[in-house]
Amino acid sequence: MQAARAQDIANRFLINKGVSEAEHEEVQSAPGYDDLMRSYINEKGGCEDLVRKLR
C-alpha cells in the first residue's frame, strides 16, 4: 500500500474519532512526532497490518 493511501485512511479514522484538523496538525508538527509514529507503526506490525486494523 502506498504511504499516501495509508495516511488518507488514518486521517479519516481520526476525523471519525472527532480529532479536528487543527489538533491533528499540532500533533504532527510536534518535535519527535515522526520517530514516535514510525515506532508505533512497527509495534503494530507495519503499515499494511495497521491499516487493516483501522478499517
N, C-alpha and C. Protein backbone atom coordinates (compact mmCIF):
# COMPACT_ATOMS: atom_id res chain seq x y z
N MET A 1 0.85 -1.17 0.00
CA MET A 1 0.00 0.00 0.00
C MET A 1 0.89 1.23 0.00
N GLN A 2 0.51 2.19 -0.79
CA GLN A 2 1.25 3.45 -0.85
C GLN A 2 1.08 4.22 0.45
N ALA A 3 2.12 4.95 0.85
CA ALA A 3 2.08 5.72 2.10
C ALA A 3 0.94 6.75 2.08
N ALA A 4 0.71 7.39 0.95
CA ALA A 4 -0.35 8.40 0.86
C ALA A 4 -1.72 7.77 1.11
N ARG A 5 -1.94 6.59 0.59
CA ARG A 5 -3.21 5.89 0.80
C ARG A 5 -3.38 5.52 2.28
N ALA A 6 -2.31 5.02 2.89
CA ALA A 6 -2.36 4.67 4.31
C ALA A 6 -2.62 5.92 5.16
N GLN A 7 -1.99 7.04 4.80
CA GLN A 7 -2.20 8.28 5.55
C GLN A 7 -3.63 8.76 5.41
N ASP A 8 -4.20 8.61 4.22
CA ASP A 8 -5.60 9.01 4.00
C ASP A 8 -6.54 8.20 4.89
N ILE A 9 -6.30 6.92 4.99
CA ILE A 9 -7.13 6.06 5.85
C ILE A 9 -6.98 6.48 7.30
N ALA A 10 -5.75 6.75 7.73
CA ALA A 10 -5.52 7.18 9.11
C ALA A 10 -6.19 8.52 9.38
N ASN A 11 -6.12 9.44 8.43
CA ASN A 11 -6.77 10.75 8.60
C ASN A 11 -8.28 10.61 8.74
N ARG A 12 -8.88 9.77 7.92
CA ARG A 12 -10.33 9.56 8.02
C ARG A 12 -10.70 8.92 9.35
N PHE A 13 -9.86 8.03 9.84
CA PHE A 13 -10.07 7.41 11.15
C PHE A 13 -10.08 8.49 12.24
N LEU A 14 -9.10 9.39 12.21
CA LEU A 14 -9.03 10.46 13.20
C LEU A 14 -10.25 11.38 13.13
N ILE A 15 -10.67 11.72 11.94
CA ILE A 15 -11.86 12.56 11.77
C ILE A 15 -13.07 11.88 12.37
N ASN A 16 -13.21 10.58 12.10
CA ASN A 16 -14.34 9.82 12.66
C ASN A 16 -14.30 9.76 14.18
N LYS A 17 -13.12 9.88 14.75
CA LYS A 17 -12.96 9.86 16.21
C LYS A 17 -13.10 11.25 16.81
N GLY A 18 -13.34 12.26 15.98
CA GLY A 18 -13.57 13.61 16.48
C GLY A 18 -12.32 14.47 16.63
N VAL A 19 -11.21 14.04 16.04
CA VAL A 19 -9.98 14.83 16.11
C VAL A 19 -10.04 15.90 15.01
N SER A 20 -9.93 17.15 15.41
CA SER A 20 -10.01 18.24 14.43
C SER A 20 -8.73 18.32 13.61
N GLU A 21 -8.83 18.96 12.47
CA GLU A 21 -7.66 19.15 11.60
C GLU A 21 -6.58 19.95 12.33
N ALA A 22 -6.99 20.97 13.09
CA ALA A 22 -6.02 21.78 13.84
C ALA A 22 -5.29 20.95 14.89
N GLU A 23 -6.02 20.09 15.60
CA GLU A 23 -5.39 19.22 16.59
C GLU A 23 -4.42 18.25 15.92
N HIS A 24 -4.84 17.71 14.81
CA HIS A 24 -4.02 16.77 14.06
C HIS A 24 -2.73 17.43 13.60
N GLU A 25 -2.84 18.64 13.05
CA GLU A 25 -1.66 19.36 12.57
C GLU A 25 -0.73 19.73 13.73
N GLU A 26 -1.30 20.10 14.87
CA GLU A 26 -0.48 20.46 16.03
C GLU A 26 0.34 19.26 16.50
N VAL A 27 -0.29 18.11 16.53
CA VAL A 27 0.42 16.89 16.96
C VAL A 27 1.50 16.53 15.94
N GLN A 28 1.17 16.58 14.66
CA GLN A 28 2.14 16.21 13.62
C GLN A 28 3.35 17.13 13.59
N SER A 29 3.19 18.38 14.01
CA SER A 29 4.31 19.32 13.97
C SER A 29 5.15 19.28 15.26
N ALA A 30 4.74 18.49 16.23
CA ALA A 30 5.49 18.40 17.49
C ALA A 30 6.83 17.71 17.27
N PRO A 31 7.86 18.18 18.00
CA PRO A 31 9.18 17.53 17.90
C PRO A 31 9.08 16.04 18.27
N GLY A 32 9.70 15.20 17.47
CA GLY A 32 9.74 13.78 17.74
C GLY A 32 8.55 12.99 17.21
N TYR A 33 7.60 13.68 16.58
CA TYR A 33 6.39 13.01 16.08
C TYR A 33 6.74 11.89 15.10
N ASP A 34 7.59 12.18 14.13
CA ASP A 34 7.90 11.18 13.10
C ASP A 34 8.49 9.91 13.70
N ASP A 35 9.41 10.07 14.65
CA ASP A 35 10.01 8.89 15.29
C ASP A 35 8.97 8.08 16.07
N LEU A 36 8.10 8.78 16.81
CA LEU A 36 7.06 8.09 17.55
C LEU A 36 6.08 7.38 16.63
N MET A 37 5.74 8.02 15.51
CA MET A 37 4.81 7.42 14.55
C MET A 37 5.41 6.15 13.96
N ARG A 38 6.67 6.21 13.55
CA ARG A 38 7.33 5.03 12.97
C ARG A 38 7.41 3.89 13.99
N SER A 39 7.72 4.24 15.21
CA SER A 39 7.79 3.24 16.27
C SER A 39 6.43 2.57 16.48
N TYR A 40 5.39 3.37 16.54
CA TYR A 40 4.04 2.84 16.73
C TYR A 40 3.65 1.92 15.57
N ILE A 41 3.91 2.35 14.35
CA ILE A 41 3.57 1.54 13.17
C ILE A 41 4.31 0.21 13.24
N ASN A 42 5.58 0.24 13.58
CA ASN A 42 6.35 -1.01 13.68
C ASN A 42 5.82 -1.92 14.78
N GLU A 43 5.43 -1.32 15.91
CA GLU A 43 4.88 -2.12 17.01
C GLU A 43 3.57 -2.80 16.62
N LYS A 44 2.83 -2.19 15.70
CA LYS A 44 1.53 -2.72 15.28
C LYS A 44 1.65 -3.64 14.07
N GLY A 45 2.86 -3.97 13.66
CA GLY A 45 3.04 -4.93 12.57
C GLY A 45 3.28 -4.31 11.21
N GLY A 46 3.54 -3.04 11.14
CA GLY A 46 3.81 -2.37 9.87
C GLY A 46 2.57 -1.69 9.31
N CYS A 47 2.76 -0.95 8.25
CA CYS A 47 1.69 -0.13 7.66
C CYS A 47 0.47 -0.96 7.25
N GLU A 48 0.69 -2.01 6.51
CA GLU A 48 -0.45 -2.76 5.98
C GLU A 48 -1.27 -3.39 7.10
N ASP A 49 -0.61 -3.95 8.09
CA ASP A 49 -1.34 -4.56 9.20
C ASP A 49 -2.09 -3.51 10.00
N LEU A 50 -1.47 -2.36 10.23
CA LEU A 50 -2.12 -1.29 10.97
C LEU A 50 -3.34 -0.77 10.21
N VAL A 51 -3.23 -0.60 8.91
CA VAL A 51 -4.36 -0.14 8.11
C VAL A 51 -5.51 -1.14 8.18
N ARG A 52 -5.20 -2.42 8.12
CA ARG A 52 -6.25 -3.44 8.25
C ARG A 52 -6.97 -3.30 9.57
N LYS A 53 -6.23 -3.02 10.64
CA LYS A 53 -6.84 -2.86 11.95
C LYS A 53 -7.71 -1.60 12.02
N LEU A 54 -7.30 -0.52 11.34
CA LEU A 54 -8.06 0.73 11.36
C LEU A 54 -9.33 0.64 10.54
N ARG A 55 -9.36 -0.20 9.55
CA ARG A 55 -10.55 -0.34 8.71
C ARG A 55 -11.62 -1.00 9.51
